[in-house]
Amino acid sequence: MLIRLTYLSRATRDMSLQDIQDILTVARDNNQSIDICGMLCYDQRYFLQTLEGEREEVNELFLDIADDPRHDDVVIVSYEYIEATTFGAWDMGFAPASDEFYALLSEVGQNTFDPREFSPEQAVSFLSKLSKQ
Protein backbone atom coordinates (compact mmCIF):
# COMPACT_ATOMS: atom_id res chain seq x y z
CA MET A 1 0.00 0.00 0.00
CA LEU A 2 1.50 3.33 -1.09
CA ILE A 3 1.57 6.32 1.21
CA ARG A 4 2.75 9.90 1.11
CA LEU A 5 4.19 11.33 4.31
CA THR A 6 4.94 15.05 4.39
CA TYR A 7 6.72 16.63 7.32
CA LEU A 8 8.45 19.83 8.31
CA SER A 9 11.30 20.43 10.72
CA ARG A 10 13.68 23.12 11.89
CA ALA A 11 17.42 22.79 11.31
CA THR A 12 19.45 22.97 14.52
CA ARG A 13 21.92 25.23 12.66
CA ASP A 14 22.27 26.95 9.32
CA MET A 15 22.84 24.39 6.58
CA SER A 16 25.49 24.99 3.95
CA LEU A 17 25.17 23.85 0.37
CA GLN A 18 27.60 21.04 1.25
CA ASP A 19 25.38 19.96 4.17
CA ILE A 20 22.40 19.75 1.83
CA GLN A 21 24.46 17.89 -0.79
CA ASP A 22 25.50 15.35 1.88
CA ILE A 23 21.88 14.83 2.95
CA LEU A 24 20.78 14.35 -0.67
CA THR A 25 23.58 11.90 -1.50
CA VAL A 26 22.68 9.63 1.40
CA ALA A 27 18.93 10.02 0.82
CA ARG A 28 19.17 9.20 -2.87
CA ASP A 29 21.26 6.08 -2.25
CA ASN A 30 19.01 4.85 0.56
CA ASN A 31 15.73 5.72 -1.17
CA GLN A 32 16.69 3.99 -4.38
CA SER A 33 17.46 0.77 -2.50
CA ILE A 34 14.05 0.77 -0.74
CA ASP A 35 11.99 2.19 -3.61
CA ILE A 36 11.08 5.49 -1.95
CA CYS A 37 10.75 8.76 -3.82
CA GLY A 38 10.19 12.30 -2.66
CA MET A 39 11.06 15.95 -2.62
CA LEU A 40 12.94 18.14 -0.15
CA CYS A 41 13.23 21.89 0.16
CA TYR A 42 15.18 23.98 2.63
CA ASP A 43 15.17 27.69 3.39
CA GLN A 44 15.14 29.92 6.48
CA ARG A 45 16.38 26.89 8.51
CA TYR A 46 13.18 24.96 7.70
CA PHE A 47 12.96 21.64 5.92
CA LEU A 48 9.81 20.55 4.13
CA GLN A 49 9.89 17.03 2.74
CA THR A 50 7.56 14.48 1.20
CA LEU A 51 8.31 10.77 1.14
CA GLU A 52 6.35 8.32 -1.02
CA GLY A 53 6.50 4.56 -1.12
CA GLU A 54 5.30 1.43 0.61
CA ARG A 55 3.89 2.17 4.06
CA GLU A 56 6.35 0.11 6.09
CA GLU A 57 9.44 1.47 4.33
CA VAL A 58 8.26 5.09 4.54
CA ASN A 59 7.37 4.72 8.22
CA GLU A 60 10.77 3.22 9.08
CA LEU A 61 12.62 5.84 7.07
CA PHE A 62 10.67 8.65 8.70
CA LEU A 63 11.56 7.35 12.18
CA ASP A 64 15.25 7.38 11.20
CA ILE A 65 14.93 10.89 9.76
CA ALA A 66 13.12 12.16 12.86
CA ASP A 67 16.08 11.00 15.00
CA ASP A 68 18.61 12.96 12.93
CA PRO A 69 20.32 15.53 15.21
CA ARG A 70 20.59 18.08 12.38
CA HIS A 71 16.97 19.05 12.93
CA ASP A 72 14.28 19.16 15.58
CA ASP A 73 10.65 20.27 15.93
CA VAL A 74 9.68 17.52 13.48
CA VAL A 75 5.97 17.72 12.63
CA ILE A 76 4.01 15.42 10.35
CA VAL A 77 2.01 17.70 8.06
CA SER A 78 0.09 14.95 6.28
CA TYR A 79 -0.03 11.19 6.00
CA GLU A 80 -2.17 9.79 3.23
CA TYR A 81 -2.76 6.70 1.17
CA ILE A 82 -2.13 7.27 -2.52
CA GLU A 83 -2.86 5.36 -5.72
CA ALA A 84 0.34 6.46 -7.47
CA THR A 85 3.40 8.50 -6.63
CA THR A 86 3.67 12.16 -7.53
CA PHE A 87 7.45 12.28 -7.09
CA GLY A 88 8.33 9.02 -8.84
CA ALA A 89 10.96 10.68 -11.01
CA TRP A 90 12.98 11.60 -7.92
CA ASP A 91 14.84 9.30 -5.51
CA MET A 92 14.98 12.58 -3.62
CA GLY A 93 14.44 15.81 -5.48
CA PHE A 94 15.64 19.10 -4.06
CA ALA A 95 14.54 22.65 -4.69
CA PRO A 96 16.75 25.45 -3.41
CA ALA A 97 15.41 28.93 -2.83
CA SER A 98 15.12 30.58 -6.25
CA ASP A 99 12.91 33.03 -8.11
CA GLU A 100 10.52 30.17 -8.90
CA PHE A 101 10.57 29.08 -5.26
CA TYR A 102 9.53 32.55 -4.11
CA ALA A 103 6.95 32.89 -6.88
CA LEU A 104 5.31 29.68 -5.63
CA LEU A 105 5.46 30.99 -2.07
CA SER A 106 3.67 34.11 -3.23
CA GLU A 107 0.92 31.95 -4.74
CA VAL A 108 0.15 30.63 -1.24
CA GLY A 109 0.36 34.08 0.31
CA GLN A 110 3.83 33.88 1.85
CA ASN A 111 6.79 36.24 1.50
CA THR A 112 9.26 34.05 3.40
CA PHE A 113 9.44 30.30 3.70
CA ASP A 114 7.65 29.11 6.83
CA PRO A 115 6.12 25.69 6.17
CA ARG A 116 4.29 25.83 9.50
CA GLU A 117 1.90 28.21 7.73
CA PHE A 118 1.03 25.73 4.95
CA SER A 119 -2.10 23.62 5.02
CA PRO A 120 -1.36 19.96 4.24
CA GLU A 121 -2.68 20.47 0.71
CA GLN A 122 -0.53 23.58 0.20
CA ALA A 123 2.59 21.75 1.41
CA VAL A 124 2.16 18.87 -1.05
CA SER A 125 1.17 21.22 -3.87
CA PHE A 126 4.18 23.46 -3.19
CA LEU A 127 6.58 20.49 -3.29
CA SER A 128 4.88 19.06 -6.37
CA LYS A 129 5.20 22.34 -8.27
CA LEU A 130 8.84 22.68 -7.19
CA SER A 131 9.57 19.19 -8.50
CA LYS A 132 8.48 20.29 -11.96
CA GLN A 133 10.80 23.33 -12.06
C-alpha atoms as a PDB file:
ATOM      1  CA  MET A   1       0.000   0.000   0.000  1.00  0.00           C
ATOM      2  CA  LEU A   2       1.498   3.335  -1.094  1.00  0.00           C
ATOM      3  CA  ILE A   3       1.567   6.324   1.213  1.00  0.00           C
ATOM      4  CA  ARG A   4       2.748   9.905   1.111  1.00  0.00           C
ATOM      5  CA  LEU A   5       4.190  11.328   4.312  1.00  0.00           C
ATOM      6  CA  THR A   6       4.937  15.052   4.395  1.00  0.00           C
ATOM      7  CA  TYR A   7       6.723  16.634   7.320  1.00  0.00           C
ATOM      8  CA  LEU A   8       8.452  19.829   8.311  1.00  0.00           C
ATOM      9  CA  SER A   9      11.297  20.433  10.720  1.00  0.00           C
ATOM     10  CA  ARG A  10      13.679  23.124  11.887  1.00  0.00           C
ATOM     11  CA  ALA A  11      17.425  22.788  11.311  1.00  0.00           C
ATOM     12  CA  THR A  12      19.446  22.974  14.518  1.00  0.00           C
ATOM     13  CA  ARG A  13      21.923  25.232  12.663  1.00  0.00           C
ATOM     14  CA  ASP A  14      22.273  26.946   9.321  1.00  0.00           C
ATOM     15  CA  MET A  15      22.841  24.386   6.578  1.00  0.00           C
ATOM     16  CA  SER A  16      25.491  24.992   3.950  1.00  0.00           C
ATOM     17  CA  LEU A  17      25.173  23.847   0.373  1.00  0.00           C
ATOM     18  CA  GLN A  18      27.600  21.040   1.252  1.00  0.00           C
ATOM     19  CA  ASP A  19      25.380  19.964   4.173  1.00  0.00           C
ATOM     20  CA  ILE A  20      22.399  19.747   1.829  1.00  0.00           C
ATOM     21  CA  GLN A  21      24.457  17.889  -0.788  1.00  0.00           C
ATOM     22  CA  ASP A  22      25.497  15.351   1.883  1.00  0.00           C
ATOM     23  CA  ILE A  23      21.879  14.830   2.952  1.00  0.00           C
ATOM     24  CA  LEU A  24      20.780  14.354  -0.665  1.00  0.00           C
ATOM     25  CA  THR A  25      23.576  11.904  -1.502  1.00  0.00           C
ATOM     26  CA  VAL A  26      22.683   9.632   1.402  1.00  0.00           C
ATOM     27  CA  ALA A  27      18.933  10.025   0.820  1.00  0.00           C
ATOM     28  CA  ARG A  28      19.170   9.195  -2.874  1.00  0.00           C
ATOM     29  CA  ASP A  29      21.263   6.077  -2.249  1.00  0.00           C
ATOM     30  CA  ASN A  30      19.011   4.854   0.559  1.00  0.00           C
ATOM     31  CA  ASN A  31      15.734   5.720  -1.169  1.00  0.00           C
ATOM     32  CA  GLN A  32      16.686   3.987  -4.377  1.00  0.00           C
ATOM     33  CA  SER A  33      17.457   0.766  -2.499  1.00  0.00           C
ATOM     34  CA  ILE A  34      14.047   0.774  -0.739  1.00  0.00           C
ATOM     35  CA  ASP A  35      11.986   2.193  -3.613  1.00  0.00           C
ATOM     36  CA  ILE A  36      11.079   5.490  -1.950  1.00  0.00           C
ATOM     37  CA  CYS A  37      10.755   8.757  -3.821  1.00  0.00           C
ATOM     38  CA  GLY A  38      10.195  12.298  -2.657  1.00  0.00           C
ATOM     39  CA  MET A  39      11.057  15.946  -2.622  1.00  0.00           C
ATOM     40  CA  LEU A  40      12.940  18.142  -0.155  1.00  0.00           C
ATOM     41  CA  CYS A  41      13.227  21.886   0.162  1.00  0.00           C
ATOM     42  CA  TYR A  42      15.178  23.975   2.626  1.00  0.00           C
ATOM     43  CA  ASP A  43      15.169  27.685   3.392  1.00  0.00           C
ATOM     44  CA  GLN A  44      15.141  29.915   6.485  1.00  0.00           C
ATOM     45  CA  ARG A  45      16.379  26.894   8.515  1.00  0.00           C
ATOM     46  CA  TYR A  46      13.183  24.962   7.701  1.00  0.00           C
ATOM     47  CA  PHE A  47      12.959  21.639   5.917  1.00  0.00           C
ATOM     48  CA  LEU A  48       9.810  20.546   4.135  1.00  0.00           C
ATOM     49  CA  GLN A  49       9.885  17.033   2.736  1.00  0.00           C
ATOM     50  CA  THR A  50       7.559  14.480   1.202  1.00  0.00           C
ATOM     51  CA  LEU A  51       8.311  10.769   1.137  1.00  0.00           C
ATOM     52  CA  GLU A  52       6.348   8.324  -1.018  1.00  0.00           C
ATOM     53  CA  GLY A  53       6.496   4.556  -1.118  1.00  0.00           C
ATOM     54  CA  GLU A  54       5.299   1.434   0.611  1.00  0.00           C
ATOM     55  CA  ARG A  55       3.894   2.174   4.059  1.00  0.00           C
ATOM     56  CA  GLU A  56       6.348   0.105   6.094  1.00  0.00           C
ATOM     57  CA  GLU A  57       9.439   1.469   4.331  1.00  0.00           C
ATOM     58  CA  VAL A  58       8.264   5.087   4.541  1.00  0.00           C
ATOM     59  CA  ASN A  59       7.370   4.722   8.224  1.00  0.00           C
ATOM     60  CA  GLU A  60      10.768   3.218   9.079  1.00  0.00           C
ATOM     61  CA  LEU A  61      12.623   5.842   7.065  1.00  0.00           C
ATOM     62  CA  PHE A  62      10.674   8.648   8.704  1.00  0.00           C
ATOM     63  CA  LEU A  63      11.556   7.350  12.179  1.00  0.00           C
ATOM     64  CA  ASP A  64      15.250   7.384  11.200  1.00  0.00           C
ATOM     65  CA  ILE A  65      14.928  10.889   9.760  1.00  0.00           C
ATOM     66  CA  ALA A  66      13.120  12.155  12.864  1.00  0.00           C
ATOM     67  CA  ASP A  67      16.081  11.001  14.999  1.00  0.00           C
ATOM     68  CA  ASP A  68      18.612  12.960  12.926  1.00  0.00           C
ATOM     69  CA  PRO A  69      20.322  15.532  15.208  1.00  0.00           C
ATOM     70  CA  ARG A  70      20.591  18.081  12.378  1.00  0.00           C
ATOM     71  CA  HIS A  71      16.967  19.054  12.932  1.00  0.00           C
ATOM     72  CA  ASP A  72      14.280  19.164  15.580  1.00  0.00           C
ATOM     73  CA  ASP A  73      10.648  20.267  15.932  1.00  0.00           C
ATOM     74  CA  VAL A  74       9.682  17.516  13.478  1.00  0.00           C
ATOM     75  CA  VAL A  75       5.973  17.724  12.633  1.00  0.00           C
ATOM     76  CA  ILE A  76       4.010  15.419  10.350  1.00  0.00           C
ATOM     77  CA  VAL A  77       2.007  17.701   8.060  1.00  0.00           C
ATOM     78  CA  SER A  78       0.094  14.947   6.278  1.00  0.00           C
ATOM     79  CA  TYR A  79      -0.026  11.185   5.995  1.00  0.00           C
ATOM     80  CA  GLU A  80      -2.173   9.793   3.227  1.00  0.00           C
ATOM     81  CA  TYR A  81      -2.759   6.698   1.169  1.00  0.00           C
ATOM     82  CA  ILE A  82      -2.133   7.266  -2.523  1.00  0.00           C
ATOM     83  CA  GLU A  83      -2.863   5.355  -5.721  1.00  0.00           C
ATOM     84  CA  ALA A  84       0.340   6.455  -7.473  1.00  0.00           C
ATOM     85  CA  THR A  85       3.402   8.497  -6.632  1.00  0.00           C
ATOM     86  CA  THR A  86       3.670  12.163  -7.530  1.00  0.00           C
ATOM     87  CA  PHE A  87       7.449  12.282  -7.086  1.00  0.00           C
ATOM     88  CA  GLY A  88       8.330   9.018  -8.838  1.00  0.00           C
ATOM     89  CA  ALA A  89      10.957  10.679 -11.011  1.00  0.00           C
ATOM     90  CA  TRP A  90      12.984  11.602  -7.917  1.00  0.00           C
ATOM     91  CA  ASP A  91      14.838   9.303  -5.509  1.00  0.00           C
ATOM     92  CA  MET A  92      14.979  12.579  -3.623  1.00  0.00           C
ATOM     93  CA  GLY A  93      14.442  15.815  -5.477  1.00  0.00           C
ATOM     94  CA  PHE A  94      15.636  19.101  -4.060  1.00  0.00           C
ATOM     95  CA  ALA A  95      14.541  22.653  -4.695  1.00  0.00           C
ATOM     96  CA  PRO A  96      16.752  25.452  -3.408  1.00  0.00           C
ATOM     97  CA  ALA A  97      15.410  28.926  -2.831  1.00  0.00           C
ATOM     98  CA  SER A  98      15.116  30.576  -6.252  1.00  0.00           C
ATOM     99  CA  ASP A  99      12.914  33.029  -8.115  1.00  0.00           C
ATOM    100  CA  GLU A 100      10.516  30.167  -8.903  1.00  0.00           C
ATOM    101  CA  PHE A 101      10.573  29.078  -5.255  1.00  0.00           C
ATOM    102  CA  TYR A 102       9.532  32.548  -4.107  1.00  0.00           C
ATOM    103  CA  ALA A 103       6.946  32.885  -6.882  1.00  0.00           C
ATOM    104  CA  LEU A 104       5.306  29.682  -5.633  1.00  0.00           C
ATOM    105  CA  LEU A 105       5.458  30.989  -2.068  1.00  0.00           C
ATOM    106  CA  SER A 106       3.669  34.109  -3.225  1.00  0.00           C
ATOM    107  CA  GLU A 107       0.919  31.950  -4.744  1.00  0.00           C
ATOM    108  CA  VAL A 108       0.146  30.629  -1.245  1.00  0.00           C
ATOM    109  CA  GLY A 109       0.362  34.078   0.312  1.00  0.00           C
ATOM    110  CA  GLN A 110       3.827  33.880   1.853  1.00  0.00           C
ATOM    111  CA  ASN A 111       6.788  36.237   1.496  1.00  0.00           C
ATOM    112  CA  THR A 112       9.256  34.055   3.400  1.00  0.00           C
ATOM    113  CA  PHE A 113       9.444  30.298   3.700  1.00  0.00           C
ATOM    114  CA  ASP A 114       7.651  29.112   6.826  1.00  0.00           C
ATOM    115  CA  PRO A 115       6.123  25.690   6.169  1.00  0.00           C
ATOM    116  CA  ARG A 116       4.293  25.832   9.498  1.00  0.00           C
ATOM    117  CA  GLU A 117       1.896  28.212   7.728  1.00  0.00           C
ATOM    118  CA  PHE A 118       1.034  25.726   4.949  1.00  0.00           C
ATOM    119  CA  SER A 119      -2.098  23.620   5.019  1.00  0.00           C
ATOM    120  CA  PRO A 120      -1.364  19.960   4.242  1.00  0.00           C
ATOM    121  CA  GLU A 121      -2.679  20.473   0.710  1.00  0.00           C
ATOM    122  CA  GLN A 122      -0.528  23.582   0.199  1.00  0.00           C
ATOM    123  CA  ALA A 123       2.590  21.747   1.413  1.00  0.00           C
ATOM    124  CA  VAL A 124       2.155  18.867  -1.046  1.00  0.00           C
ATOM    125  CA  SER A 125       1.171  21.215  -3.868  1.00  0.00           C
ATOM    126  CA  PHE A 126       4.177  23.459  -3.194  1.00  0.00           C
ATOM    127  CA  LEU A 127       6.581  20.495  -3.294  1.00  0.00           C
ATOM    128  CA  SER A 128       4.877  19.062  -6.371  1.00  0.00           C
ATOM    129  CA  LYS A 129       5.200  22.343  -8.265  1.00  0.00           C
ATOM    130  CA  LEU A 130       8.835  22.685  -7.192  1.00  0.00           C
ATOM    131  CA  SER A 131       9.569  19.191  -8.496  1.00  0.00           C
ATOM    132  CA  LYS A 132       8.476  20.287 -11.957  1.00  0.00           C
ATOM    133  CA  GLN A 133      10.799  23.328 -12.063  1.00  0.00           C
END
